[in-house]
Amino acid sequence: MADEIVEILVDFYTVAEIQAARKLVYEAHLSGLTDNVIITSSTFEGGSASGQVSIAPSNREQFLRQCRMALARLNSEASTMSNGILIRYDQRRLST
């Protein structure tokens, strides 16, 4: 199954927005903050976006990894992570 956070990042955010969020979370991680990081808005190239994303300390590394995967997708360095629907006919129940 595809990582839904990566899919949302790719669908709704630009490269600049993802990089800004990634930087905020990384800086909090480096400084050892134990509080959640809350991203409320981002300004980039004359535009802005707002919303709220709360990243708990235990999930920072996962979020950074998801941002990296989303950036790879947006930069055409990776394709979708979805494996599609897996149908295994050898394990289907057959009635006789």
N, C-alpha and C. Protein backbone atom coordinates (compact mmCIF):
# COMPACT_ATOMS: atom_id res chain seq x y z
N MET A 1 0.83 -1.18 0.00
CA MET A 1 0.00 0.00 0.00
C MET A 1 0.88 1.24 0.00
N ALA A 2 0.47 2.23 -0.70
CA ALA A 2 1.23 3.47 -0.80
C ALA A 2 1.19 4.22 0.52
N ASP A 3 2.24 4.98 0.80
CA ASP A 3 2.29 5.81 1.98
C ASP A 3 1.41 7.03 1.72
N GLU A 4 0.32 7.14 2.43
CA GLU A 4 -0.67 8.18 2.16
C GLU A 4 -0.13 9.59 2.41
N ILE A 5 0.77 9.75 3.38
CA ILE A 5 1.35 11.07 3.63
C ILE A 5 2.13 11.53 2.41
N VAL A 6 2.90 10.64 1.81
CA VAL A 6 3.67 10.99 0.61
C VAL A 6 2.72 11.35 -0.52
N GLU A 7 1.65 10.59 -0.67
CA GLU A 7 0.69 10.86 -1.73
C GLU A 7 0.04 12.23 -1.55
N ILE A 8 -0.32 12.59 -0.32
CA ILE A 8 -0.92 13.89 -0.03
C ILE A 8 0.08 15.01 -0.31
N LEU A 9 1.32 14.83 0.12
CA LEU A 9 2.35 15.85 -0.13
C LEU A 9 2.51 16.09 -1.62
N VAL A 10 2.54 15.03 -2.40
CA VAL A 10 2.72 15.15 -3.85
C VAL A 10 1.51 15.81 -4.50
N ASP A 11 0.33 15.46 -4.05
CA ASP A 11 -0.89 15.98 -4.68
C ASP A 11 -1.19 17.44 -4.34
N PHE A 12 -0.88 17.87 -3.12
CA PHE A 12 -1.36 19.17 -2.67
C PHE A 12 -0.30 20.22 -2.36
N TYR A 13 0.97 19.86 -2.39
CA TYR A 13 2.02 20.81 -2.02
C TYR A 13 3.07 20.92 -3.12
N THR A 14 3.70 22.09 -3.18
CA THR A 14 4.76 22.32 -4.14
C THR A 14 6.08 21.89 -3.53
N VAL A 15 7.11 21.84 -4.36
CA VAL A 15 8.45 21.51 -3.89
C VAL A 15 8.89 22.50 -2.81
N ALA A 16 8.64 23.79 -3.04
CA ALA A 16 9.04 24.83 -2.08
C ALA A 16 8.34 24.66 -0.73
N GLU A 17 7.06 24.31 -0.76
CA GLU A 17 6.32 24.12 0.50
C GLU A 17 6.83 22.91 1.27
N ILE A 18 7.11 21.83 0.57
CA ILE A 18 7.62 20.63 1.23
C ILE A 18 9.01 20.90 1.81
N GLN A 19 9.85 21.60 1.05
CA GLN A 19 11.19 21.91 1.56
C GLN A 19 11.12 22.80 2.79
N ALA A 20 10.19 23.76 2.81
CA ALA A 20 10.04 24.65 3.98
C ALA A 20 9.60 23.85 5.20
N ALA A 21 8.64 22.97 5.04
CA ALA A 21 8.17 22.14 6.16
C ALA A 21 9.28 21.21 6.64
N ARG A 22 9.99 20.63 5.71
CA ARG A 22 11.09 19.72 6.04
C ARG A 22 12.17 20.43 6.85
N LYS A 23 12.47 21.68 6.46
CA LYS A 23 13.49 22.46 7.16
C LYS A 23 13.07 22.76 8.59
N LEU A 24 11.81 23.15 8.79
CA LEU A 24 11.31 23.44 10.13
C LEU A 24 11.40 22.21 11.04
N VAL A 25 10.97 21.07 10.54
CA VAL A 25 10.99 19.85 11.33
C VAL A 25 12.43 19.43 11.63
N TYR A 26 13.31 19.54 10.66
CA TYR A 26 14.70 19.17 10.85
C TYR A 26 15.38 20.06 11.89
N GLU A 27 15.11 21.36 11.84
CA GLU A 27 15.71 22.28 12.81
C GLU A 27 15.22 21.97 14.22
N ALA A 28 13.96 21.64 14.38
CA ALA A 28 13.43 21.25 15.69
C ALA A 28 14.08 19.96 16.16
N HIS A 29 14.28 19.04 15.24
CA HIS A 29 14.90 17.76 15.57
C HIS A 29 16.34 17.97 16.04
N LEU A 30 17.07 18.83 15.34
CA LEU A 30 18.46 19.10 15.72
C LEU A 30 18.58 19.78 17.07
N SER A 31 17.65 20.68 17.36
CA SER A 31 17.74 21.41 18.62
C SER A 31 17.22 20.60 19.80
N GLY A 32 16.69 19.41 19.53
CA GLY A 32 16.26 18.53 20.61
C GLY A 32 14.96 18.92 21.27
N LEU A 33 14.13 19.67 20.56
CA LEU A 33 12.84 20.06 21.14
C LEU A 33 11.99 18.83 21.42
N THR A 34 11.34 18.84 22.56
CA THR A 34 10.48 17.72 22.91
C THR A 34 9.01 18.02 22.64
N ASP A 35 8.70 19.27 22.27
CA ASP A 35 7.33 19.64 21.94
C ASP A 35 7.03 19.30 20.48
N ASN A 36 5.77 19.20 20.17
CA ASN A 36 5.37 19.01 18.78
C ASN A 36 5.76 20.23 17.96
N VAL A 37 6.13 20.01 16.70
CA VAL A 37 6.37 21.11 15.78
C VAL A 37 5.07 21.36 15.05
N ILE A 38 4.61 22.60 15.09
CA ILE A 38 3.35 22.94 14.42
C ILE A 38 3.67 23.92 13.30
N ILE A 39 3.36 23.53 12.07
CA ILE A 39 3.58 24.38 10.90
C ILE A 39 2.22 24.97 10.55
N THR A 40 2.13 26.30 10.61
CA THR A 40 0.84 26.95 10.35
C THR A 40 0.78 27.64 9.00
N SER A 41 1.94 28.07 8.49
CA SER A 41 1.92 28.71 7.17
C SER A 41 3.31 28.67 6.57
N SER A 42 3.36 28.89 5.29
CA SER A 42 4.62 28.90 4.57
C SER A 42 4.53 29.95 3.47
N THR A 43 5.59 30.75 3.33
CA THR A 43 5.64 31.77 2.30
C THR A 43 6.76 31.42 1.34
N PHE A 44 6.51 31.53 0.05
CA PHE A 44 7.49 31.14 -0.95
C PHE A 44 7.19 31.87 -2.25
N GLU A 45 8.19 32.38 -2.89
CA GLU A 45 8.11 32.98 -4.21
C GLU A 45 6.84 33.82 -4.43
N GLY A 46 6.51 34.69 -3.48
CA GLY A 46 5.36 35.56 -3.64
C GLY A 46 4.03 34.92 -3.30
N GLY A 47 4.01 33.64 -3.00
CA GLY A 47 2.78 32.97 -2.64
C GLY A 47 2.84 32.49 -1.21
N SER A 48 1.72 32.04 -0.70
CA SER A 48 1.72 31.50 0.65
C SER A 48 0.68 30.41 0.77
N ALA A 49 0.86 29.58 1.78
CA ALA A 49 -0.09 28.52 2.07
C ALA A 49 -0.26 28.48 3.57
N SER A 50 -1.44 28.11 4.01
CA SER A 50 -1.66 28.02 5.44
C SER A 50 -2.42 26.74 5.76
N GLY A 51 -2.31 26.34 6.96
CA GLY A 51 -2.92 25.11 7.44
C GLY A 51 -2.19 24.75 8.71
N GLN A 52 -2.43 23.60 9.25
CA GLN A 52 -1.71 23.22 10.46
C GLN A 52 -1.27 21.77 10.35
N VAL A 53 0.00 21.55 10.53
CA VAL A 53 0.58 20.22 10.55
C VAL A 53 1.32 20.11 11.87
N SER A 54 1.01 19.11 12.66
CA SER A 54 1.67 18.90 13.94
C SER A 54 2.51 17.63 13.87
N ILE A 55 3.81 17.77 14.12
CA ILE A 55 4.72 16.64 14.02
C ILE A 55 5.25 16.33 15.42
N ALA A 56 4.91 15.18 15.96
CA ALA A 56 5.39 14.77 17.28
C ALA A 56 6.87 14.41 17.18
N PRO A 57 7.63 14.58 18.27
CA PRO A 57 9.06 14.26 18.23
C PRO A 57 9.34 12.83 17.77
N SER A 58 8.50 11.89 18.15
CA SER A 58 8.74 10.50 17.76
C SER A 58 8.51 10.24 16.28
N ASN A 59 7.83 11.16 15.60
CA ASN A 59 7.51 10.96 14.18
C ASN A 59 8.32 11.86 13.25
N ARG A 60 9.26 12.62 13.78
CA ARG A 60 10.01 13.56 12.95
C ARG A 60 10.81 12.88 11.86
N GLU A 61 11.53 11.83 12.22
CA GLU A 61 12.35 11.15 11.21
C GLU A 61 11.49 10.55 10.10
N GLN A 62 10.35 9.99 10.48
CA GLN A 62 9.43 9.44 9.48
C GLN A 62 8.91 10.54 8.56
N PHE A 63 8.55 11.69 9.13
CA PHE A 63 8.06 12.80 8.32
C PHE A 63 9.15 13.30 7.37
N LEU A 64 10.39 13.40 7.85
CA LEU A 64 11.49 13.82 6.99
C LEU A 64 11.69 12.83 5.84
N ARG A 65 11.56 11.56 6.12
CA ARG A 65 11.68 10.51 5.09
C ARG A 65 10.54 10.65 4.07
N GLN A 66 9.34 10.93 4.56
CA GLN A 66 8.19 11.09 3.67
C GLN A 66 8.36 12.32 2.78
N CYS A 67 8.91 13.40 3.35
CA CYS A 67 9.18 14.60 2.54
C CYS A 67 10.19 14.28 1.45
N ARG A 68 11.25 13.53 1.80
CA ARG A 68 12.28 13.18 0.81
C ARG A 68 11.67 12.36 -0.32
N MET A 69 10.79 11.42 0.02
CA MET A 69 10.14 10.60 -1.00
C MET A 69 9.22 11.44 -1.88
N ALA A 70 8.50 12.37 -1.28
CA ALA A 70 7.61 13.24 -2.05
C ALA A 70 8.40 14.14 -2.98
N LEU A 71 9.53 14.68 -2.49
CA LEU A 71 10.37 15.52 -3.35
C LEU A 71 10.94 14.72 -4.52
N ALA A 72 11.31 13.48 -4.27
CA ALA A 72 11.81 12.62 -5.36
C ALA A 72 10.71 12.41 -6.40
N ARG A 73 9.48 12.22 -5.95
CA ARG A 73 8.36 12.07 -6.89
C ARG A 73 8.13 13.34 -7.68
N LEU A 74 8.14 14.49 -7.00
CA LEU A 74 7.88 15.75 -7.69
C LEU A 74 9.01 16.13 -8.65
N ASN A 75 10.21 15.69 -8.36
CA ASN A 75 11.36 15.97 -9.24
C ASN A 75 11.55 14.88 -10.28
N SER A 76 10.57 14.01 -10.44
CA SER A 76 10.59 12.92 -11.43
C SER A 76 11.76 11.97 -11.23
N GLU A 77 12.18 11.81 -9.99
CA GLU A 77 13.26 10.86 -9.69
C GLU A 77 12.70 9.53 -9.22
N ALA A 78 11.41 9.48 -8.96
CA ALA A 78 10.78 8.25 -8.50
C ALA A 78 9.35 8.24 -9.03
N SER A 79 8.81 7.04 -9.17
CA SER A 79 7.44 6.92 -9.62
C SER A 79 6.55 6.68 -8.40
N THR A 80 5.28 6.47 -8.65
CA THR A 80 4.35 6.23 -7.55
C THR A 80 4.80 5.06 -6.70
N MET A 81 4.45 5.12 -5.44
CA MET A 81 4.83 4.05 -4.52
C MET A 81 3.79 2.95 -4.48
N SER A 82 2.65 3.17 -5.12
CA SER A 82 1.57 2.21 -5.04
C SER A 82 1.89 0.96 -5.83
N ASN A 83 1.59 -0.17 -5.25
CA ASN A 83 1.76 -1.45 -5.94
C ASN A 83 0.49 -1.86 -6.66
N GLY A 84 -0.54 -1.05 -6.53
CA GLY A 84 -1.81 -1.40 -7.14
C GLY A 84 -2.52 -2.48 -6.33
N ILE A 85 -3.47 -3.10 -6.93
CA ILE A 85 -4.24 -4.15 -6.25
C ILE A 85 -3.57 -5.48 -6.54
N LEU A 86 -3.25 -6.21 -5.50
CA LEU A 86 -2.62 -7.51 -5.65
C LEU A 86 -3.70 -8.59 -5.61
N ILE A 87 -3.85 -9.29 -6.70
CA ILE A 87 -4.82 -10.38 -6.76
C ILE A 87 -4.03 -11.67 -6.93
N ARG A 88 -4.23 -12.59 -5.99
CA ARG A 88 -3.53 -13.87 -6.05
C ARG A 88 -4.56 -14.96 -6.33
N TYR A 89 -4.57 -15.41 -7.57
CA TYR A 89 -5.55 -16.40 -7.97
C TYR A 89 -5.24 -17.77 -7.38
N ASP A 90 -3.99 -18.02 -7.01
CA ASP A 90 -3.64 -19.33 -6.46
C ASP A 90 -4.19 -19.53 -5.05
N GLN A 91 -4.67 -18.48 -4.41
CA GLN A 91 -5.21 -18.61 -3.05
C GLN A 91 -6.71 -18.34 -3.00
N ARG A 92 -7.35 -18.35 -4.15
CA ARG A 92 -8.80 -18.14 -4.17
C ARG A 92 -9.52 -19.41 -3.76
N ARG A 93 -10.59 -19.22 -3.06
CA ARG A 93 -11.41 -20.35 -2.64
C ARG A 93 -12.31 -20.79 -3.78
N LEU A 94 -12.28 -22.03 -4.08
CA LEU A 94 -13.10 -22.56 -5.17
C LEU A 94 -14.13 -23.54 -4.61
N SER A 95 -15.33 -23.44 -5.07
CA SER A 95 -16.34 -24.40 -4.65
C SER A 95 -16.47 -25.48 -5.70
N THR A 96 -16.74 -26.69 -5.27
CA THR A 96 -16.89 -27.81 -6.20
C THR A 96 -18.23 -28.45 -6.09
